[in-house]
Structure formats: C-alpha cells, structure tokens
C-alpha cells in the first residue's frame, strides 16, 4: 500500500531485538542479513532506520562534494587548488606546490602550516 504511514507495532524483546513488520519489509525489499543504519530522532521521540548502502552513498557524497559543505555554511569553502599560488605537480594527481611546499589540492589553506590561509589569493 503506497503512502502508508503506520505499518504495525514492534515489541522489544529481552535480547533487545524487534521484528520489523512483514508489510514494510516487503515494500522496502528488506531481506535477512540486510544492514540498517540507526539514527536517533533529534526530538528524542524515537529512531529512524536507513539502509546501510544508502548511508554509504551519502557519506561518499559528503566526502567528495564541496557544494554539500558550501550549502551547510552558506559560503564556498576554499581549497589550496583555488589559489593563484598553487601549481599542480605533474604525474601526481591532486597534489601541487605552494611556495615550494607540496600540498594536497583539496586541503584547506588555513591548515597549511606555510600559509595558514593568510597568503591565499583566489583564482579569478
């Protein structure tokens, strides 16, 4: 049944286990052995289950998508590779030179001990 909200009641056992009602398992194609990520609701009223493989995709997006962080802080996070002083190193993808020091292109210039962000000059 689409748009169903309530799928039944689960009882907590002595072993700390619950059974997920069959109709939600079928609708979500959950099978024995599937891994679920559990998050407590912010309001403390319960918890939410999310398929682990979906959390893996989300974590990968967080790890690789700079725009994700931009949306969190409302501003673009700069990286060493965004600086006019950054020079990529040939045959060493993702690394460059800044004032003669090797740095990671996706690094925060404020964490570069030779720069500390004070020498950062954005590319136009």
C-alpha atoms as a PDB file:
ATOM      1  CA  UNK A   1       0.000   0.000   0.000  1.00  0.00           C
ATOM      2  CA  UNK A   2       1.570   3.310  -1.121  1.00  0.00           C
ATOM      3  CA  UNK A   3       1.801   6.272   1.259  1.00  0.00           C
ATOM      4  CA  UNK A   4       1.131   4.020   4.226  1.00  0.00           C
ATOM      5  CA  UNK A   5       2.323   5.654   7.444  1.00  0.00           C
ATOM      6  CA  UNK A   6       1.712   3.059  10.154  1.00  0.00           C
ATOM      7  CA  UNK A   7       2.971  -0.471   9.465  1.00  0.00           C
ATOM      8  CA  UNK A   8       2.202  -2.167  12.734  1.00  0.00           C
ATOM      9  CA  UNK A   9       3.647  -2.468  16.204  1.00  0.00           C
ATOM     10  CA  UNK A  10       7.008  -3.928  17.197  1.00  0.00           C
ATOM     11  CA  UNK A  11       7.737  -5.321  20.649  1.00  0.00           C
ATOM     12  CA  UNK A  12      11.159  -5.036  22.264  1.00  0.00           C
ATOM     13  CA  UNK A  13      12.391  -8.464  23.436  1.00  0.00           C
ATOM     14  CA  UNK A  14      14.563  -9.405  26.421  1.00  0.00           C
ATOM     15  CA  UNK A  15      17.502  -9.593  23.985  1.00  0.00           C
ATOM     16  CA  UNK A  16      16.912  -6.020  22.773  1.00  0.00           C
ATOM     17  CA  UNK A  17      15.502  -7.169  19.442  1.00  0.00           C
ATOM     18  CA  UNK A  18      12.437  -6.130  17.475  1.00  0.00           C
ATOM     19  CA  UNK A  19      10.707  -7.661  14.472  1.00  0.00           C
ATOM     20  CA  UNK A  20      10.070  -5.346  11.558  1.00  0.00           C
ATOM     21  CA  UNK A  21       6.511  -5.883  10.268  1.00  0.00           C
ATOM     22  CA  UNK A  22       6.342  -8.000   7.118  1.00  0.00           C
ATOM     23  CA  UNK A  23       4.448  -5.453   5.014  1.00  0.00           C
ATOM     24  CA  UNK A  24       7.183  -2.785   5.385  1.00  0.00           C
ATOM     25  CA  UNK A  25       9.895  -5.427   4.788  1.00  0.00           C
ATOM     26  CA  UNK A  26       8.180  -6.418   1.540  1.00  0.00           C
ATOM     27  CA  UNK A  27       7.584  -2.836   0.407  1.00  0.00           C
ATOM     28  CA  UNK A  28      11.247  -1.934   1.010  1.00  0.00           C
ATOM     29  CA  UNK A  29      12.567  -5.300  -0.245  1.00  0.00           C
ATOM     30  CA  UNK A  30      14.360  -5.914   3.045  1.00  0.00           C
ATOM     31  CA  UNK A  31      15.885  -9.348   3.313  1.00  0.00           C
ATOM     32  CA  UNK A  32      17.549 -11.344   6.055  1.00  0.00           C
ATOM     33  CA  UNK A  33      21.081 -10.065   6.621  1.00  0.00           C
ATOM     34  CA  UNK A  34      20.425  -6.540   5.276  1.00  0.00           C
ATOM     35  CA  UNK A  35      22.253  -3.896   7.309  1.00  0.00           C
ATOM     36  CA  UNK A  36      20.350  -0.878   8.610  1.00  0.00           C
ATOM     37  CA  UNK A  37      21.830   2.362   9.922  1.00  0.00           C
ATOM     38  CA  UNK A  38      20.013   3.610  13.033  1.00  0.00           C
ATOM     39  CA  UNK A  39      19.714   7.297  13.930  1.00  0.00           C
ATOM     40  CA  UNK A  40      18.019   8.810  16.963  1.00  0.00           C
ATOM     41  CA  UNK A  41      15.478  11.473  16.089  1.00  0.00           C
ATOM     42  CA  UNK A  42      16.506  14.973  17.103  1.00  0.00           C
ATOM     43  CA  UNK A  43      13.328  15.412  19.139  1.00  0.00           C
ATOM     44  CA  UNK A  44      14.080  12.198  21.082  1.00  0.00           C
ATOM     45  CA  UNK A  45      10.777  10.586  20.143  1.00  0.00           C
ATOM     46  CA  UNK A  46      12.304   7.536  18.503  1.00  0.00           C
ATOM     47  CA  UNK A  47      14.712   6.453  15.809  1.00  0.00           C
ATOM     48  CA  UNK A  48      14.973   6.053  12.060  1.00  0.00           C
ATOM     49  CA  UNK A  49      16.357   3.138  10.055  1.00  0.00           C
ATOM     50  CA  UNK A  50      18.147   3.731   6.746  1.00  0.00           C
ATOM     51  CA  UNK A  51      19.670   1.057   4.501  1.00  0.00           C
ATOM     52  CA  UNK A  52      23.418   0.968   5.054  1.00  0.00           C
ATOM     53  CA  UNK A  53      24.196   1.121   1.315  1.00  0.00           C
ATOM     54  CA  UNK A  54      22.250   4.400   1.114  1.00  0.00           C
ATOM     55  CA  UNK A  55      24.286   5.792   4.004  1.00  0.00           C
ATOM     56  CA  UNK A  56      27.449   4.733   2.157  1.00  0.00           C
ATOM     57  CA  UNK A  57      26.289   6.791  -0.843  1.00  0.00           C
ATOM     58  CA  UNK A  58      25.527   9.767   1.399  1.00  0.00           C
ATOM     59  CA  UNK A  59      28.901   9.529   3.150  1.00  0.00           C
ATOM     60  CA  UNK A  60      30.654   9.380  -0.236  1.00  0.00           C
ATOM     61  CA  UNK A  61      28.756  12.472  -1.363  1.00  0.00           C
ATOM     62  CA  UNK A  62      29.728  14.314   1.818  1.00  0.00           C
ATOM     63  CA  UNK A  63      33.331  13.226   1.354  1.00  0.00           C
ATOM     64  CA  UNK A  64      33.603  14.287  -2.282  1.00  0.00           C
ATOM     65  CA  UNK A  65      31.075  17.074  -2.886  1.00  0.00           C
ATOM     66  CA  UNK A  66      32.370  20.513  -1.990  1.00  0.00           C
ATOM     67  CA  UNK A  67      28.979  22.051  -2.763  1.00  0.00           C
ATOM     68  CA  UNK A  68      27.487  19.974   0.071  1.00  0.00           C
ATOM     69  CA  UNK A  69      29.632  21.857   2.593  1.00  0.00           C
ATOM     70  CA  UNK A  70      29.003  25.156   0.841  1.00  0.00           C
ATOM     71  CA  UNK A  71      25.286  24.637   1.438  1.00  0.00           C
ATOM     72  CA  UNK A  72      25.880  23.874   5.135  1.00  0.00           C
ATOM     73  CA  UNK A  73      27.839  27.021   5.842  1.00  0.00           C
ATOM     74  CA  UNK A  74      26.283  29.232   3.205  1.00  0.00           C
ATOM     75  CA  UNK A  75      29.658  30.047   1.685  1.00  0.00           C
ATOM     76  CA  UNK A  76      32.155  28.398  -0.607  1.00  0.00           C
ATOM     77  CA  UNK A  77      34.934  26.584   1.207  1.00  0.00           C
ATOM     78  CA  UNK A  78      38.225  27.430  -0.442  1.00  0.00           C
ATOM     79  CA  UNK A  79      40.911  24.874  -1.143  1.00  0.00           C
ATOM     80  CA  UNK A  80      44.595  25.197  -1.881  1.00  0.00           C
ATOM     81  CA  UNK A  81      43.933  24.387  -5.553  1.00  0.00           C
ATOM     82  CA  UNK A  82      41.703  27.502  -5.745  1.00  0.00           C
ATOM     83  CA  UNK A  83      44.694  29.760  -5.054  1.00  0.00           C
ATOM     84  CA  UNK A  84      46.727  31.513  -7.765  1.00  0.00           C
ATOM     85  CA  UNK A  85      49.905  30.397  -5.977  1.00  0.00           C
ATOM     86  CA  UNK A  86      49.029  26.665  -6.266  1.00  0.00           C
ATOM     87  CA  UNK A  87      50.920  24.867  -9.047  1.00  0.00           C
ATOM     88  CA  UNK A  88      49.866  21.275  -9.864  1.00  0.00           C
ATOM     89  CA  UNK A  89      52.613  18.648  -9.760  1.00  0.00           C
ATOM     90  CA  UNK A  90      52.921  16.669 -12.985  1.00  0.00           C
ATOM     91  CA  UNK A  91      52.147  12.938 -12.657  1.00  0.00           C
ATOM     92  CA  UNK A  92      50.911  13.414  -9.073  1.00  0.00           C
ATOM     93  CA  UNK A  93      47.181  13.985  -9.354  1.00  0.00           C
ATOM     94  CA  UNK A  94      45.629  16.019  -6.541  1.00  0.00           C
ATOM     95  CA  UNK A  95      48.932  17.447  -5.325  1.00  0.00           C
ATOM     96  CA  UNK A  96      50.574  20.757  -6.010  1.00  0.00           C
ATOM     97  CA  UNK A  97      53.228  23.172  -4.883  1.00  0.00           C
ATOM     98  CA  UNK A  98      52.591  26.267  -2.815  1.00  0.00           C
ATOM     99  CA  UNK A  99      55.646  28.397  -2.140  1.00  0.00           C
ATOM    100  CA  UNK A 100      57.755  25.332  -2.949  1.00  0.00           C
ATOM    101  CA  UNK A 101      55.955  23.094  -0.451  1.00  0.00           C
ATOM    102  CA  UNK A 102      53.912  20.087  -1.562  1.00  0.00           C
ATOM    103  CA  UNK A 103      50.262  20.392  -0.573  1.00  0.00           C
ATOM    104  CA  UNK A 104      47.049  18.493  -1.242  1.00  0.00           C
ATOM    105  CA  UNK A 105      44.881  20.403  -3.718  1.00  0.00           C
ATOM    106  CA  UNK A 106      41.671  19.799  -1.764  1.00  0.00           C
ATOM    107  CA  UNK A 107      43.207  20.903   1.538  1.00  0.00           C
ATOM    108  CA  UNK A 108      42.003  23.911   3.495  1.00  0.00           C
ATOM    109  CA  UNK A 109      44.656  26.621   3.075  1.00  0.00           C
ATOM    110  CA  UNK A 110      44.181  27.583   6.727  1.00  0.00           C
ATOM    111  CA  UNK A 111      45.590  24.182   7.671  1.00  0.00           C
ATOM    112  CA  UNK A 112      48.697  24.601   5.510  1.00  0.00           C
ATOM    113  CA  UNK A 113      51.405  25.486   8.061  1.00  0.00           C
ATOM    114  CA  UNK A 114      53.349  27.520   5.488  1.00  0.00           C
ATOM    115  CA  UNK A 115      50.254  29.538   4.519  1.00  0.00           C
ATOM    116  CA  UNK A 116      47.688  29.415   7.282  1.00  0.00           C
ATOM    117  CA  UNK A 117      45.299  30.998   4.776  1.00  0.00           C
ATOM    118  CA  UNK A 118      46.987  34.383   5.092  1.00  0.00           C
ATOM    119  CA  UNK A 119      48.664  34.092   1.651  1.00  0.00           C
ATOM    120  CA  UNK A 120      45.586  32.705  -0.085  1.00  0.00           C
ATOM    121  CA  UNK A 121      44.806  34.609  -3.285  1.00  0.00           C
ATOM    122  CA  UNK A 122      41.748  33.224  -5.124  1.00  0.00           C
ATOM    123  CA  UNK A 123      41.857  32.449  -8.834  1.00  0.00           C
ATOM    124  CA  UNK A 124      39.553  34.621 -10.891  1.00  0.00           C
END
